[in-house]
Amino acid sequence: MSSLVPPFTFETATQKVRLAEDGWNSRDPQRVSLVYTPDSRWRNRAEFVTGRAEIVAFLTRKWAKELDYRLIKEIWAFTDNRIAVRFAYEWHDDSGNWFRSYGNENWEFDAAGLMQRRFACINDLPIRETERKYHWPLGRRPDDHPGLTELGL
């Protein structure tokens, strides 16, 4: 993993995006928090989060509400220590209402490759269950499952 530190190349930035997707698809808040600096700062929608403890609390709340969560991320752009991604994830609430949430994230990394800043803009689109596009078993997206571009998203 030591090669996944700034300055990024297209290859290392793309690998970093897939690892982030895999982590979030684990739905393990503690595991996910470890890729962020201890004092990482987030803006997620209208919520501001600082530090790993708040990240764990945020993700615990998120995945208690967003059931059967499945995420796909795709690189949009990168520079030396920053990566921009677009993403879409599908989930349902406890009443069985399905959503596809679309968004963009801007990430900034420290020299060790930990994310120190994350800014996310997200919109939720109600969908019918028959409109779902993500059908893999919970967990990591299989390598042969189409990405956002291939799915027309």
N, C-alpha and C. Protein backbone atom coordinates (compact mmCIF):
# COMPACT_ATOMS: atom_id res chain seq x y z
N MET A 1 0.81 -1.19 0.00
CA MET A 1 0.00 0.00 0.00
C MET A 1 0.85 1.26 0.00
N SER A 2 2.12 1.15 0.32
CA SER A 2 2.96 2.34 0.45
C SER A 2 3.06 3.11 -0.87
N SER A 3 2.75 2.46 -2.00
CA SER A 3 2.79 3.17 -3.27
C SER A 3 1.56 4.05 -3.46
N LEU A 4 0.56 3.94 -2.59
CA LEU A 4 -0.67 4.70 -2.73
C LEU A 4 -0.62 5.98 -1.89
N VAL A 5 0.50 6.68 -2.04
CA VAL A 5 0.70 7.95 -1.35
C VAL A 5 0.97 9.03 -2.40
N PRO A 6 0.70 10.28 -2.04
CA PRO A 6 1.00 11.37 -2.97
C PRO A 6 2.50 11.43 -3.27
N PRO A 7 2.85 11.90 -4.45
CA PRO A 7 1.98 12.36 -5.53
C PRO A 7 1.38 11.18 -6.29
N PHE A 8 0.10 11.32 -6.64
CA PHE A 8 -0.62 10.24 -7.30
C PHE A 8 -0.36 10.24 -8.80
N THR A 9 -0.39 9.04 -9.35
CA THR A 9 -0.45 8.83 -10.79
C THR A 9 -1.90 8.42 -11.09
N PHE A 10 -2.26 8.32 -12.36
CA PHE A 10 -3.60 7.85 -12.68
C PHE A 10 -3.84 6.48 -12.08
N GLU A 11 -2.82 5.61 -12.18
CA GLU A 11 -2.96 4.24 -11.67
C GLU A 11 -3.15 4.22 -10.16
N THR A 12 -2.33 4.96 -9.41
CA THR A 12 -2.46 4.93 -7.95
C THR A 12 -3.72 5.64 -7.48
N ALA A 13 -4.13 6.71 -8.16
CA ALA A 13 -5.37 7.40 -7.80
C ALA A 13 -6.57 6.47 -8.04
N THR A 14 -6.56 5.74 -9.15
CA THR A 14 -7.64 4.81 -9.46
C THR A 14 -7.69 3.69 -8.42
N GLN A 15 -6.52 3.19 -8.02
CA GLN A 15 -6.47 2.16 -6.98
C GLN A 15 -7.01 2.69 -5.65
N LYS A 16 -6.68 3.93 -5.33
CA LYS A 16 -7.14 4.56 -4.10
C LYS A 16 -8.67 4.67 -4.10
N VAL A 17 -9.25 5.01 -5.24
CA VAL A 17 -10.71 5.12 -5.36
C VAL A 17 -11.35 3.75 -5.13
N ARG A 18 -10.80 2.71 -5.75
CA ARG A 18 -11.39 1.37 -5.58
C ARG A 18 -11.26 0.89 -4.14
N LEU A 19 -10.13 1.17 -3.50
CA LEU A 19 -9.99 0.78 -2.10
C LEU A 19 -10.99 1.51 -1.21
N ALA A 20 -11.26 2.78 -1.52
CA ALA A 20 -12.26 3.52 -0.76
C ALA A 20 -13.64 2.90 -0.97
N GLU A 21 -13.97 2.57 -2.22
CA GLU A 21 -15.25 1.91 -2.50
C GLU A 21 -15.36 0.61 -1.72
N ASP A 22 -14.31 -0.20 -1.75
CA ASP A 22 -14.33 -1.48 -1.04
C ASP A 22 -14.54 -1.27 0.45
N GLY A 23 -13.85 -0.29 1.01
CA GLY A 23 -14.00 -0.02 2.44
C GLY A 23 -15.42 0.36 2.80
N TRP A 24 -15.99 1.29 2.04
CA TRP A 24 -17.36 1.73 2.34
C TRP A 24 -18.35 0.59 2.12
N ASN A 25 -18.13 -0.26 1.13
CA ASN A 25 -19.03 -1.39 0.93
C ASN A 25 -18.92 -2.44 2.04
N SER A 26 -17.88 -2.39 2.83
CA SER A 26 -17.77 -3.28 3.99
C SER A 26 -18.79 -2.89 5.05
N ARG A 27 -19.21 -1.63 5.05
CA ARG A 27 -20.12 -1.08 6.04
C ARG A 27 -19.59 -1.29 7.46
N ASP A 28 -18.27 -1.22 7.60
CA ASP A 28 -17.61 -1.36 8.90
C ASP A 28 -17.04 0.02 9.28
N PRO A 29 -17.74 0.79 10.10
CA PRO A 29 -17.30 2.17 10.40
C PRO A 29 -15.88 2.25 10.96
N GLN A 30 -15.51 1.32 11.82
CA GLN A 30 -14.17 1.35 12.41
C GLN A 30 -13.11 1.14 11.33
N ARG A 31 -13.31 0.15 10.48
CA ARG A 31 -12.37 -0.12 9.39
C ARG A 31 -12.24 1.10 8.47
N VAL A 32 -13.38 1.67 8.09
CA VAL A 32 -13.38 2.81 7.19
C VAL A 32 -12.63 3.99 7.81
N SER A 33 -12.83 4.23 9.10
CA SER A 33 -12.22 5.39 9.75
C SER A 33 -10.70 5.38 9.71
N LEU A 34 -10.10 4.22 9.60
CA LEU A 34 -8.64 4.11 9.67
C LEU A 34 -7.91 4.64 8.44
N VAL A 35 -8.63 4.91 7.34
CA VAL A 35 -7.98 5.49 6.16
C VAL A 35 -7.99 7.01 6.20
N TYR A 36 -8.53 7.58 7.28
CA TYR A 36 -8.58 9.03 7.46
C TYR A 36 -7.59 9.42 8.56
N THR A 37 -7.08 10.65 8.49
CA THR A 37 -6.19 11.13 9.55
C THR A 37 -6.99 11.23 10.85
N PRO A 38 -6.31 11.15 12.01
CA PRO A 38 -7.03 11.25 13.28
C PRO A 38 -7.85 12.54 13.42
N ASP A 39 -7.44 13.60 12.71
CA ASP A 39 -8.15 14.88 12.78
C ASP A 39 -8.83 15.23 11.45
N SER A 40 -9.11 14.22 10.65
CA SER A 40 -9.74 14.43 9.34
C SER A 40 -10.99 15.29 9.47
N ARG A 41 -11.20 16.14 8.46
CA ARG A 41 -12.38 17.00 8.44
C ARG A 41 -13.23 16.65 7.22
N TRP A 42 -14.53 16.53 7.47
CA TRP A 42 -15.49 16.20 6.42
C TRP A 42 -16.58 17.26 6.35
N ARG A 43 -17.11 17.40 5.16
CA ARG A 43 -18.45 17.97 4.98
C ARG A 43 -19.19 16.92 4.18
N ASN A 44 -20.23 16.38 4.75
CA ASN A 44 -21.05 15.36 4.10
C ASN A 44 -22.47 15.90 4.06
N ARG A 45 -22.93 16.28 2.86
CA ARG A 45 -24.19 16.99 2.71
C ARG A 45 -24.08 18.26 3.55
N ALA A 46 -24.94 18.42 4.56
CA ALA A 46 -24.89 19.61 5.42
C ALA A 46 -24.31 19.30 6.79
N GLU A 47 -23.68 18.14 6.93
CA GLU A 47 -23.12 17.73 8.22
C GLU A 47 -21.61 17.87 8.19
N PHE A 48 -21.06 18.38 9.30
CA PHE A 48 -19.62 18.56 9.43
C PHE A 48 -19.10 17.59 10.47
N VAL A 49 -18.06 16.84 10.10
CA VAL A 49 -17.51 15.78 10.93
C VAL A 49 -16.02 16.03 11.09
N THR A 50 -15.50 15.88 12.30
CA THR A 50 -14.07 16.05 12.53
C THR A 50 -13.54 14.89 13.36
N GLY A 51 -12.54 14.21 12.85
CA GLY A 51 -11.86 13.15 13.60
C GLY A 51 -12.49 11.78 13.44
N ARG A 52 -11.67 10.79 13.76
CA ARG A 52 -12.10 9.41 13.56
C ARG A 52 -13.30 9.01 14.41
N ALA A 53 -13.37 9.45 15.66
CA ALA A 53 -14.50 9.08 16.51
C ALA A 53 -15.81 9.59 15.89
N GLU A 54 -15.81 10.81 15.38
CA GLU A 54 -17.01 11.35 14.75
C GLU A 54 -17.31 10.64 13.43
N ILE A 55 -16.26 10.23 12.72
CA ILE A 55 -16.47 9.46 11.48
C ILE A 55 -17.17 8.14 11.80
N VAL A 56 -16.70 7.44 12.83
CA VAL A 56 -17.31 6.16 13.22
C VAL A 56 -18.78 6.39 13.61
N ALA A 57 -19.05 7.42 14.40
CA ALA A 57 -20.43 7.70 14.81
C ALA A 57 -21.30 8.04 13.60
N PHE A 58 -20.77 8.86 12.70
CA PHE A 58 -21.51 9.23 11.49
C PHE A 58 -21.85 8.00 10.66
N LEU A 59 -20.86 7.17 10.38
CA LEU A 59 -21.08 5.99 9.53
C LEU A 59 -21.99 4.98 10.20
N THR A 60 -21.91 4.85 11.52
CA THR A 60 -22.80 3.95 12.25
C THR A 60 -24.25 4.39 12.06
N ARG A 61 -24.51 5.70 12.21
CA ARG A 61 -25.86 6.24 11.99
C ARG A 61 -26.30 6.04 10.54
N LYS A 62 -25.37 6.33 9.61
CA LYS A 62 -25.68 6.24 8.18
C LYS A 62 -26.14 4.84 7.80
N TRP A 63 -25.35 3.84 8.18
CA TRP A 63 -25.66 2.48 7.75
C TRP A 63 -26.77 1.82 8.56
N ALA A 64 -27.17 2.44 9.67
CA ALA A 64 -28.37 1.98 10.38
C ALA A 64 -29.62 2.45 9.64
N LYS A 65 -29.50 3.56 8.91
CA LYS A 65 -30.62 4.13 8.16
C LYS A 65 -30.63 3.64 6.70
N GLU A 66 -29.46 3.59 6.07
CA GLU A 66 -29.34 3.24 4.65
C GLU A 66 -29.06 1.75 4.55
N LEU A 67 -30.12 0.97 4.46
CA LEU A 67 -30.04 -0.49 4.51
C LEU A 67 -29.68 -1.07 3.15
N ASP A 68 -29.02 -2.23 3.16
CA ASP A 68 -28.58 -2.92 1.95
C ASP A 68 -27.78 -1.99 1.04
N TYR A 69 -26.95 -1.18 1.64
CA TYR A 69 -26.11 -0.17 0.98
C TYR A 69 -25.10 -0.83 0.04
N ARG A 70 -25.09 -0.37 -1.21
CA ARG A 70 -24.10 -0.81 -2.20
C ARG A 70 -23.64 0.42 -2.97
N LEU A 71 -22.33 0.58 -3.12
CA LEU A 71 -21.72 1.80 -3.64
C LEU A 71 -20.79 1.50 -4.80
N ILE A 72 -20.79 2.40 -5.79
CA ILE A 72 -19.77 2.38 -6.85
C ILE A 72 -19.18 3.78 -6.92
N LYS A 73 -17.84 3.86 -6.92
CA LYS A 73 -17.11 5.12 -7.07
C LYS A 73 -16.33 5.07 -8.38
N GLU A 74 -16.10 6.23 -8.96
CA GLU A 74 -15.33 6.33 -10.19
C GLU A 74 -14.47 7.59 -10.12
N ILE A 75 -13.22 7.47 -10.51
CA ILE A 75 -12.32 8.63 -10.50
C ILE A 75 -12.82 9.66 -11.50
N TRP A 76 -12.72 10.92 -11.13
CA TRP A 76 -13.09 12.02 -12.02
C TRP A 76 -11.85 12.80 -12.41
N ALA A 77 -11.01 13.13 -11.43
CA ALA A 77 -9.78 13.89 -11.69
C ALA A 77 -8.84 13.71 -10.50
N PHE A 78 -7.56 14.06 -10.70
CA PHE A 78 -6.60 13.97 -9.60
C PHE A 78 -5.45 14.93 -9.85
N THR A 79 -4.77 15.28 -8.77
CA THR A 79 -3.51 16.03 -8.83
C THR A 79 -2.56 15.35 -7.85
N ASP A 80 -1.53 16.06 -7.47
CA ASP A 80 -0.51 15.47 -6.58
C ASP A 80 -1.10 14.79 -5.34
N ASN A 81 -1.89 15.51 -4.54
CA ASN A 81 -2.41 14.94 -3.30
C ASN A 81 -3.93 15.05 -3.18
N ARG A 82 -4.60 15.25 -4.31
CA ARG A 82 -6.06 15.38 -4.31
C ARG A 82 -6.67 14.47 -5.37
N ILE A 83 -7.85 13.94 -5.02
CA ILE A 83 -8.60 13.10 -5.95
C ILE A 83 -10.06 13.56 -5.91
N ALA A 84 -10.68 13.67 -7.07
CA ALA A 84 -12.11 13.95 -7.17
C ALA A 84 -12.78 12.70 -7.73
N VAL A 85 -13.89 12.31 -7.11
CA VAL A 85 -14.63 11.13 -7.55
C VAL A 85 -16.10 11.48 -7.73
N ARG A 86 -16.75 10.68 -8.56
CA ARG A 86 -18.21 10.70 -8.61
C ARG A 86 -18.65 9.33 -8.15
N PHE A 87 -19.84 9.26 -7.61
CA PHE A 87 -20.31 7.99 -7.07
C PHE A 87 -21.82 7.91 -7.14
N ALA A 88 -22.31 6.69 -7.00
CA ALA A 88 -23.74 6.44 -6.83
C ALA A 88 -23.86 5.21 -5.94
N TYR A 89 -24.81 5.29 -5.03
CA TYR A 89 -25.07 4.12 -4.20
C TYR A 89 -26.56 3.90 -4.09
N GLU A 90 -26.92 2.64 -3.87
CA GLU A 90 -28.32 2.26 -3.73
C GLU A 90 -28.55 1.75 -2.31
N TRP A 91 -29.74 2.04 -1.80
CA TRP A 91 -30.10 1.64 -0.45
C TRP A 91 -31.61 1.76 -0.28
N HIS A 92 -32.11 1.20 0.81
CA HIS A 92 -33.52 1.38 1.13
C HIS A 92 -33.66 1.74 2.60
N ASP A 93 -34.78 2.38 2.91
CA ASP A 93 -35.05 2.72 4.30
C ASP A 93 -35.80 1.57 4.97
N ASP A 94 -36.15 1.75 6.24
CA ASP A 94 -36.80 0.66 6.97
C ASP A 94 -38.25 0.44 6.56
N SER A 95 -38.77 1.28 5.67
CA SER A 95 -40.11 1.07 5.12
C SER A 95 -40.06 0.41 3.74
N GLY A 96 -38.84 0.09 3.25
CA GLY A 96 -38.70 -0.56 1.96
C GLY A 96 -38.65 0.38 0.78
N ASN A 97 -38.53 1.68 1.03
CA ASN A 97 -38.40 2.67 -0.05
C ASN A 97 -36.96 2.69 -0.54
N TRP A 98 -36.77 2.49 -1.84
CA TRP A 98 -35.43 2.43 -2.43
C TRP A 98 -35.01 3.80 -2.95
N PHE A 99 -33.69 4.04 -2.90
CA PHE A 99 -33.09 5.28 -3.37
C PHE A 99 -31.79 4.98 -4.09
N ARG A 100 -31.47 5.85 -5.04
CA ARG A 100 -30.11 5.88 -5.59
C ARG A 100 -29.60 7.27 -5.26
N SER A 101 -28.49 7.30 -4.55
CA SER A 101 -27.89 8.56 -4.13
C SER A 101 -26.68 8.82 -5.01
N TYR A 102 -26.68 10.01 -5.62
CA TYR A 102 -25.61 10.41 -6.54
C TYR A 102 -24.78 11.50 -5.88
N GLY A 103 -23.49 11.52 -6.18
CA GLY A 103 -22.70 12.60 -5.62
C GLY A 103 -21.31 12.69 -6.17
N ASN A 104 -20.63 13.70 -5.64
CA ASN A 104 -19.23 13.97 -5.96
C ASN A 104 -18.50 14.17 -4.64
N GLU A 105 -17.26 13.73 -4.61
CA GLU A 105 -16.42 13.95 -3.44
C GLU A 105 -15.10 14.54 -3.89
N ASN A 106 -14.56 15.40 -3.06
CA ASN A 106 -13.21 15.92 -3.24
C ASN A 106 -12.40 15.48 -2.02
N TRP A 107 -11.28 14.84 -2.30
CA TRP A 107 -10.45 14.29 -1.24
C TRP A 107 -9.08 14.96 -1.25
N GLU A 108 -8.51 15.18 -0.07
CA GLU A 108 -7.14 15.66 0.07
C GLU A 108 -6.41 14.74 1.03
N PHE A 109 -5.19 14.34 0.65
CA PHE A 109 -4.42 13.35 1.41
C PHE A 109 -3.17 13.97 2.02
N ASP A 110 -2.74 13.40 3.16
CA ASP A 110 -1.47 13.80 3.74
C ASP A 110 -0.35 12.98 3.08
N ALA A 111 0.88 13.23 3.49
CA ALA A 111 2.04 12.57 2.86
C ALA A 111 2.02 11.06 3.05
N ALA A 112 1.36 10.56 4.10
CA ALA A 112 1.30 9.12 4.36
C ALA A 112 0.16 8.45 3.59
N GLY A 113 -0.63 9.22 2.84
CA GLY A 113 -1.72 8.66 2.06
C GLY A 113 -3.03 8.55 2.81
N LEU A 114 -3.12 9.15 4.01
CA LEU A 114 -4.38 9.18 4.75
C LEU A 114 -5.19 10.40 4.31
N MET A 115 -6.50 10.22 4.24
CA MET A 115 -7.35 11.32 3.80
C MET A 115 -7.53 12.31 4.95
N GLN A 116 -7.16 13.56 4.69
CA GLN A 116 -7.28 14.58 5.73
C GLN A 116 -8.49 15.49 5.53
N ARG A 117 -9.01 15.54 4.31
CA ARG A 117 -10.22 16.32 4.04
C ARG A 117 -11.09 15.56 3.04
N ARG A 118 -12.41 15.62 3.30
CA ARG A 118 -13.39 14.98 2.41
C ARG A 118 -14.60 15.89 2.34
N PHE A 119 -14.93 16.33 1.13
CA PHE A 119 -16.08 17.19 0.90
C PHE A 119 -17.03 16.45 -0.04
N ALA A 120 -18.26 16.17 0.43
CA ALA A 120 -19.19 15.38 -0.36
C ALA A 120 -20.49 16.14 -0.60
N CYS A 121 -20.93 16.15 -1.84
CA CYS A 121 -22.23 16.69 -2.24
C CYS A 121 -23.05 15.51 -2.75
N ILE A 122 -24.27 15.34 -2.22
CA ILE A 122 -25.05 14.13 -2.48
C ILE A 122 -26.52 14.49 -2.67
N ASN A 123 -27.15 13.85 -3.65
CA ASN A 123 -28.58 13.98 -3.89
C ASN A 123 -29.20 12.59 -3.92
N ASP A 124 -30.39 12.47 -3.35
CA ASP A 124 -31.10 11.19 -3.29
C ASP A 124 -32.24 11.18 -4.30
N LEU A 125 -32.30 10.12 -5.09
CA LEU A 125 -33.36 9.94 -6.06
C LEU A 125 -34.19 8.72 -5.66
N PRO A 126 -35.46 8.89 -5.35
CA PRO A 126 -36.29 7.70 -5.08
C PRO A 126 -36.37 6.84 -6.35
N ILE A 127 -36.23 5.54 -6.19
CA ILE A 127 -36.35 4.61 -7.31
C ILE A 127 -37.27 3.46 -6.90
N ARG A 128 -37.82 2.78 -7.88
CA ARG A 128 -38.56 1.56 -7.60
C ARG A 128 -37.54 0.43 -7.45
N GLU A 129 -37.90 -0.57 -6.70
CA GLU A 129 -36.99 -1.71 -6.51
C GLU A 129 -36.61 -2.33 -7.85
N THR A 130 -37.51 -2.30 -8.82
CA THR A 130 -37.25 -2.86 -10.14
C THR A 130 -36.23 -2.02 -10.93
N GLU A 131 -35.95 -0.80 -10.49
CA GLU A 131 -34.98 0.07 -11.16
C GLU A 131 -33.56 -0.09 -10.61
N ARG A 132 -33.41 -0.92 -9.61
CA ARG A 132 -32.08 -1.11 -9.02
C ARG A 132 -31.12 -1.67 -10.07
N LYS A 133 -29.86 -1.25 -9.97
CA LYS A 133 -28.82 -1.72 -10.89
C LYS A 133 -27.72 -2.51 -10.16
N TYR A 134 -27.71 -2.45 -8.84
CA TYR A 134 -26.65 -3.09 -8.04
C TYR A 134 -27.24 -4.32 -7.36
N HIS A 135 -26.85 -5.49 -7.83
CA HIS A 135 -27.44 -6.72 -7.32
C HIS A 135 -26.43 -7.71 -6.77
N TRP A 136 -25.21 -7.28 -6.53
CA TRP A 136 -24.23 -8.22 -5.99
C TRP A 136 -24.52 -8.45 -4.50
N PRO A 137 -24.00 -9.57 -3.95
CA PRO A 137 -24.17 -9.79 -2.50
C PRO A 137 -23.52 -8.65 -1.73
N LEU A 138 -24.04 -8.35 -0.55
CA LEU A 138 -23.47 -7.27 0.26
C LEU A 138 -21.97 -7.47 0.42
N GLY A 139 -21.24 -6.39 0.42
CA GLY A 139 -19.79 -6.42 0.52
C GLY A 139 -19.16 -5.85 -0.73
N ARG A 140 -17.92 -6.24 -1.00
CA ARG A 140 -17.15 -5.72 -2.12
C ARG A 140 -17.86 -5.97 -3.45
N ARG A 141 -17.85 -4.95 -4.31
CA ARG A 141 -18.40 -5.10 -5.66
C ARG A 141 -17.50 -6.06 -6.44
N PRO A 142 -18.07 -7.10 -7.05
CA PRO A 142 -17.24 -8.03 -7.83
C PRO A 142 -16.51 -7.30 -8.97
N ASP A 143 -15.31 -7.77 -9.29
CA ASP A 143 -14.50 -7.14 -10.33
C ASP A 143 -15.19 -7.12 -11.69
N ASP A 144 -16.07 -8.09 -11.94
CA ASP A 144 -16.73 -8.14 -13.24
C ASP A 144 -18.05 -7.38 -13.27
N HIS A 145 -18.43 -6.74 -12.16
CA HIS A 145 -19.66 -5.93 -12.15
C HIS A 145 -19.38 -4.60 -12.80
N PRO A 146 -20.27 -4.13 -13.67
CA PRO A 146 -20.03 -2.85 -14.36
C PRO A 146 -19.88 -1.69 -13.38
N GLY A 147 -19.10 -0.70 -13.81
CA GLY A 147 -18.95 0.54 -13.05
C GLY A 147 -20.00 1.55 -13.47
N LEU A 148 -19.86 2.77 -12.98
CA LEU A 148 -20.85 3.81 -13.26
C LEU A 148 -20.99 4.10 -14.75
N THR A 149 -19.87 4.25 -15.44
CA THR A 149 -19.93 4.57 -16.87
C THR A 149 -20.61 3.46 -17.64
N GLU A 150 -20.24 2.21 -17.35
CA GLU A 150 -20.82 1.07 -18.06
C GLU A 150 -22.32 0.94 -17.78
N LEU A 151 -22.76 1.38 -16.60
CA LEU A 151 -24.18 1.31 -16.24
C LEU A 151 -24.98 2.51 -16.76
N GLY A 152 -24.29 3.43 -17.40
CA GLY A 152 -24.97 4.63 -17.91
C GLY A 152 -25.31 5.64 -16.84
N LEU A 153 -24.63 5.55 -15.73
CA LEU A 153 -24.86 6.47 -14.63
C LEU A 153 -23.78 7.55 -14.65
